[in-house]
Amino acid sequence: EVLGVTTGRIPYDEIQLEGGSAFGTGTHPTARLCSQWLLNTLPHVTTTDPATPINMLDYGSGSGILSLVALLAASRCARSVRVDGVDVDTNALQVATRNLAQNRNRRDTQEDNDDDTRRFGCRFYAPMEHTPGSELWDEITGMTSVLETTTTLQSEPETSAPVMGTPSSSITQLPTDRIQSYNIIVANIIAPCLIGLARTLALLAAPGGTLALSGLGSHEAPEVVMEYERYFSELRIVQELEGWVLIQGIRNDVPVR
């Protein structure tokens, strides 16, 4: 049973994913919780300017399944959205990028989507500099600062994605201008990683932004809530499925230090 939301069919049949090692097929209970939450929450997100796209962050994006669900949710409610996915796994970033291209191509053959690139931006990144996981990225790429060495790539339009099949060094880190920019953040990661990401996600969330955390069992929720309650208000379990939970919160005005 899904608690606190309107239940309905999760449209995984409208999304095609590449098989392989990237985490996230949509079948795990936490992926189902996050997908249902996105489908119910994203249409009701408010922005300061109605013409401004919703900024959504998929942290621990894996195969890109939740990013694709967010794009689908926005398409269904005729909202504009910019989705950023973040992962420490080079292979996952490349798989997610291919999944994005595959699903865009599929939609283009089914309907008239001339304005999709303007309304539905999506791109996948390594973790931002000086945040958890960025040190792993530096070891993988052999770079001390991907931001400094890939300025040309980062100046491209946000609707573009990293080139498929390119080496890991061509994938950029999440730009620092994303700080305090996200209206909605979803992180479907195991509890120890969520605990270590509390300050990072608080730094990235816009004031009043909505946070969804999953990847944890009900017995792990109190410890995760304890780590996030300094920066997020109204933290509570809003969904539960097969012993797994989704925690929701709202970014307050406490600065990240």
Protein backbone atom coordinates (compact mmCIF):
# COMPACT_ATOMS: atom_id res chain seq x y z
CA GLU A 1 0.00 0.00 0.00
CA VAL A 2 1.21 3.49 -0.83
CA LEU A 3 0.37 5.96 1.92
CA GLY A 4 -0.61 9.61 1.49
CA VAL A 5 -0.76 9.70 -2.31
CA THR A 6 -3.22 8.93 -5.05
CA THR A 7 -2.27 5.49 -6.31
CA GLY A 8 -2.25 4.68 -9.97
CA ARG A 9 -0.33 2.92 -12.71
CA ILE A 10 3.34 3.85 -12.82
CA PRO A 11 4.00 4.29 -16.55
CA TYR A 12 7.16 2.23 -16.89
CA ASP A 13 5.78 0.81 -20.12
CA GLU A 14 6.26 4.30 -21.58
CA ILE A 15 9.98 4.27 -20.70
CA GLN A 16 12.65 2.11 -22.30
CA LEU A 17 15.88 1.32 -20.42
CA GLU A 18 19.15 -0.16 -21.60
CA GLY A 19 20.05 -3.41 -19.88
CA GLY A 20 23.35 -3.51 -18.04
CA SER A 21 25.07 -2.67 -14.79
CA ALA A 22 23.54 0.75 -14.03
CA PHE A 23 21.29 0.60 -10.97
CA GLY A 24 17.60 1.28 -11.47
CA THR A 25 15.05 -0.70 -13.45
CA GLY A 26 11.98 0.67 -11.68
CA THR A 27 11.06 -2.67 -10.13
CA HIS A 28 12.46 -2.14 -6.64
CA PRO A 29 9.91 -0.86 -4.08
CA THR A 30 11.89 2.35 -3.46
CA ALA A 31 11.94 3.16 -7.20
CA ARG A 32 8.20 2.61 -7.29
CA LEU A 33 7.74 4.86 -4.24
CA CYS A 34 9.83 7.64 -5.80
CA SER A 35 8.13 7.31 -9.19
CA GLN A 36 4.66 7.51 -7.69
CA TRP A 37 5.73 10.46 -5.54
CA LEU A 38 7.08 12.32 -8.57
CA LEU A 39 3.95 11.71 -10.61
CA ASN A 40 1.83 13.12 -7.78
CA THR A 41 4.11 15.93 -6.57
CA LEU A 42 5.77 17.48 -9.62
CA PRO A 43 2.55 18.86 -11.18
CA HIS A 44 1.91 20.87 -8.00
CA VAL A 45 5.37 22.41 -7.57
CA THR A 46 5.24 26.20 -7.54
CA THR A 47 7.95 28.50 -8.90
CA THR A 48 8.41 32.24 -8.37
CA ASP A 49 7.58 32.85 -12.02
CA PRO A 50 5.03 30.57 -13.74
CA ALA A 51 7.12 30.78 -16.91
CA THR A 52 10.21 29.48 -15.08
CA PRO A 53 10.90 25.74 -15.47
CA ILE A 54 10.80 23.49 -12.44
CA ASN A 55 14.35 22.58 -11.43
CA MET A 56 14.52 18.95 -10.34
CA LEU A 57 17.54 17.01 -9.03
CA ASP A 58 17.80 13.21 -9.21
CA TYR A 59 20.66 12.43 -6.82
CA GLY A 60 22.04 8.93 -7.30
CA SER A 61 20.46 8.75 -10.73
CA GLY A 62 21.76 5.31 -11.78
CA SER A 63 20.07 4.31 -15.04
CA GLY A 64 18.19 7.63 -15.11
CA ILE A 65 14.80 6.02 -14.44
CA LEU A 66 13.59 8.71 -12.00
CA SER A 67 14.81 11.52 -14.27
CA LEU A 68 12.78 10.00 -17.09
CA VAL A 69 9.73 9.66 -14.84
CA ALA A 70 10.09 13.37 -13.95
CA LEU A 71 10.20 14.32 -17.63
CA LEU A 72 7.11 12.20 -18.26
CA ALA A 73 5.28 13.74 -15.30
CA ALA A 74 6.06 17.25 -16.56
CA SER A 75 4.94 16.34 -20.07
CA ARG A 76 1.62 15.03 -18.78
CA CYS A 77 0.83 18.23 -16.88
CA ALA A 78 2.26 20.59 -19.55
CA ARG A 79 4.91 21.97 -17.21
CA SER A 80 8.46 22.93 -18.20
CA VAL A 81 11.19 21.16 -16.25
CA ARG A 82 14.98 21.00 -16.11
CA VAL A 83 16.24 17.74 -14.65
CA ASP A 84 19.80 17.17 -13.46
CA GLY A 85 20.92 13.66 -12.57
CA VAL A 86 24.00 13.05 -10.41
CA ASP A 87 25.92 9.82 -9.89
CA VAL A 88 29.45 8.80 -8.91
CA ASP A 89 29.47 5.87 -11.34
CA THR A 90 30.92 6.71 -14.75
CA ASN A 91 29.17 3.79 -16.41
CA ALA A 92 25.83 4.82 -14.90
CA LEU A 93 26.20 8.37 -16.23
CA GLN A 94 26.82 7.07 -19.73
CA VAL A 95 23.97 4.54 -19.55
CA ALA A 96 21.59 7.22 -18.27
CA THR A 97 22.58 9.52 -21.12
CA ARG A 98 21.89 6.76 -23.66
CA ASN A 99 18.55 6.01 -21.99
CA LEU A 100 17.63 9.69 -22.26
CA ALA A 101 18.51 9.78 -25.96
CA GLN A 102 16.63 6.53 -26.63
CA ASN A 103 13.45 7.78 -24.99
CA ARG A 104 13.64 11.17 -26.68
CA ASN A 105 14.03 9.49 -30.06
CA ARG A 106 11.09 7.21 -29.29
CA ARG A 107 8.86 10.15 -28.39
CA ASP A 108 9.95 12.05 -31.49
CA THR A 109 8.70 9.21 -33.69
CA GLN A 110 5.34 9.04 -31.89
CA GLU A 111 4.24 12.66 -31.68
CA ASP A 112 5.07 16.24 -32.56
CA ASN A 113 7.72 17.32 -30.05
CA ASP A 114 9.31 20.31 -31.73
CA ASP A 115 9.41 22.25 -28.45
CA ASP A 116 10.52 19.38 -26.21
CA THR A 117 14.13 20.52 -26.09
CA ARG A 118 12.95 23.87 -24.77
CA ARG A 119 10.45 22.49 -22.26
CA PHE A 120 12.23 19.36 -21.03
CA GLY A 121 15.96 19.79 -20.37
CA CYS A 122 17.90 16.89 -18.84
CA ARG A 123 21.57 16.19 -18.27
CA PHE A 124 23.65 13.84 -16.12
CA TYR A 125 26.64 14.88 -14.02
CA ALA A 126 29.27 13.70 -11.60
CA PRO A 127 29.01 15.17 -8.06
CA MET A 128 29.76 18.85 -7.59
CA GLU A 129 33.26 19.78 -6.49
CA HIS A 130 33.96 19.45 -2.76
CA THR A 131 30.83 17.35 -2.12
CA PRO A 132 30.66 13.65 -1.16
CA GLY A 133 31.72 11.48 -4.07
CA SER A 134 33.66 14.18 -5.90
CA GLU A 135 36.95 12.79 -4.59
CA LEU A 136 36.10 9.47 -6.25
CA TRP A 137 35.47 11.30 -9.49
CA ASP A 138 38.86 13.02 -9.25
CA GLU A 139 40.51 9.60 -8.85
CA ILE A 140 38.60 8.14 -11.81
CA THR A 141 39.40 11.00 -14.18
CA GLY A 142 42.83 11.90 -12.83
CA MET A 143 41.68 15.51 -12.61
CA THR A 144 41.83 17.78 -9.60
CA SER A 145 39.03 19.93 -10.97
CA VAL A 146 36.73 18.84 -13.76
CA LEU A 147 35.02 22.22 -13.57
CA GLU A 148 38.22 24.01 -14.53
CA THR A 149 39.10 21.64 -17.36
CA THR A 150 35.70 21.37 -19.07
CA THR A 151 34.57 24.97 -19.28
CA THR A 152 33.68 24.62 -22.96
CA LEU A 153 31.33 21.70 -22.35
CA GLN A 154 29.58 23.47 -19.48
CA SER A 155 28.87 26.53 -21.59
CA GLU A 156 26.68 24.47 -23.92
CA PRO A 157 22.88 24.84 -23.74
CA GLU A 158 21.36 22.97 -20.82
CA THR A 159 19.20 20.88 -23.13
CA SER A 160 22.26 19.13 -24.54
CA ALA A 161 23.62 15.96 -22.98
CA PRO A 162 27.12 14.47 -22.82
CA VAL A 163 28.05 12.73 -26.04
CA MET A 164 27.24 9.02 -26.04
CA GLY A 165 30.22 6.69 -25.88
CA THR A 166 32.68 9.39 -24.90
CA PRO A 167 35.31 8.80 -22.19
CA SER A 168 34.58 9.63 -18.55
CA SER A 169 36.74 12.77 -18.70
CA SER A 170 34.15 14.40 -21.01
CA ILE A 171 31.40 14.12 -18.37
CA THR A 172 31.32 17.22 -16.23
CA GLN A 173 30.68 17.77 -12.55
CA LEU A 174 27.45 19.42 -11.43
CA PRO A 175 28.03 23.18 -11.88
CA THR A 176 28.29 25.31 -8.77
CA ASP A 177 25.58 27.65 -10.06
CA ARG A 178 23.08 24.91 -9.11
CA ILE A 179 23.44 25.83 -5.43
CA GLN A 180 20.04 26.71 -3.91
CA SER A 181 18.34 26.16 -7.29
CA TYR A 182 16.28 22.97 -7.04
CA ASN A 183 12.54 23.14 -6.43
CA ILE A 184 12.40 19.37 -6.03
CA ILE A 185 15.08 16.85 -5.04
CA VAL A 186 14.78 13.07 -5.08
CA ALA A 187 17.52 10.86 -3.63
CA ASN A 188 16.95 7.11 -3.76
CA ILE A 189 20.14 5.88 -2.11
CA ILE A 190 20.96 3.61 0.85
CA ALA A 191 20.65 5.17 4.30
CA PRO A 192 24.40 5.59 5.10
CA CYS A 193 24.87 7.58 1.88
CA LEU A 194 21.77 9.68 2.57
CA ILE A 195 23.16 10.53 5.99
CA GLY A 196 26.41 11.72 4.43
CA LEU A 197 24.58 13.85 1.87
CA ALA A 198 22.44 15.94 4.24
CA ARG A 199 24.50 19.13 3.94
CA THR A 200 24.96 18.71 0.18
CA LEU A 201 21.26 18.31 -0.57
CA ALA A 202 20.45 21.20 1.77
CA LEU A 203 22.96 23.34 -0.13
CA LEU A 204 21.39 22.46 -3.48
CA ALA A 205 17.73 22.86 -2.48
CA ALA A 206 15.99 26.15 -3.21
CA PRO A 207 14.30 27.86 -0.26
CA GLY A 208 10.97 26.11 0.17
CA GLY A 209 12.09 23.29 -2.12
CA THR A 210 10.65 19.82 -1.61
CA LEU A 211 12.88 16.86 -0.73
CA ALA A 212 12.12 13.15 -1.11
CA LEU A 213 14.44 10.54 0.39
CA SER A 214 14.12 6.82 -0.19
CA GLY A 215 16.33 3.75 -0.37
CA LEU A 216 15.84 3.10 3.34
CA GLY A 217 13.77 0.82 5.50
CA SER A 218 11.35 2.04 8.15
CA HIS A 219 13.84 1.12 10.90
CA GLU A 220 16.43 3.48 9.37
CA ALA A 221 14.12 6.48 9.06
CA PRO A 222 14.70 8.01 12.55
CA GLU A 223 18.47 8.30 12.03
CA VAL A 224 18.05 9.81 8.55
CA VAL A 225 15.46 12.30 9.80
CA MET A 226 17.83 13.32 12.61
CA GLU A 227 20.50 14.26 10.05
CA TYR A 228 18.15 16.31 7.88
CA GLU A 229 15.91 18.04 10.41
CA ARG A 230 18.31 20.97 10.85
CA TYR A 231 17.81 22.02 7.23
CA PHE A 232 14.39 20.61 6.34
CA SER A 233 11.04 21.13 8.05
CA GLU A 234 7.97 18.88 8.11
CA LEU A 235 10.10 15.75 7.71
CA ARG A 236 7.90 12.68 7.80
CA ILE A 237 7.27 9.35 6.15
CA VAL A 238 4.65 9.91 3.45
CA GLN A 239 4.85 6.58 1.64
CA GLU A 240 5.61 3.00 2.65
CA LEU A 241 5.82 -0.16 0.56
CA GLU A 242 6.99 -3.63 1.55
CA GLY A 243 8.96 -2.28 4.53
CA TRP A 244 10.61 0.52 2.53
CA VAL A 245 9.74 4.17 3.11
CA LEU A 246 9.89 7.59 1.47
CA ILE A 247 10.57 10.63 3.65
CA GLN A 248 9.44 14.10 2.54
CA GLY A 249 10.61 17.48 3.81
CA ILE A 250 10.63 21.19 2.95
CA ARG A 251 13.82 23.26 2.87
CA ASN A 252 13.82 25.86 5.64
CA ASP A 253 15.90 29.04 5.87
CA VAL A 254 18.78 27.67 8.00
CA PRO A 255 22.04 28.35 6.11
CA VAL A 256 24.45 25.51 5.39
CA ARG A 257 27.75 26.03 7.18
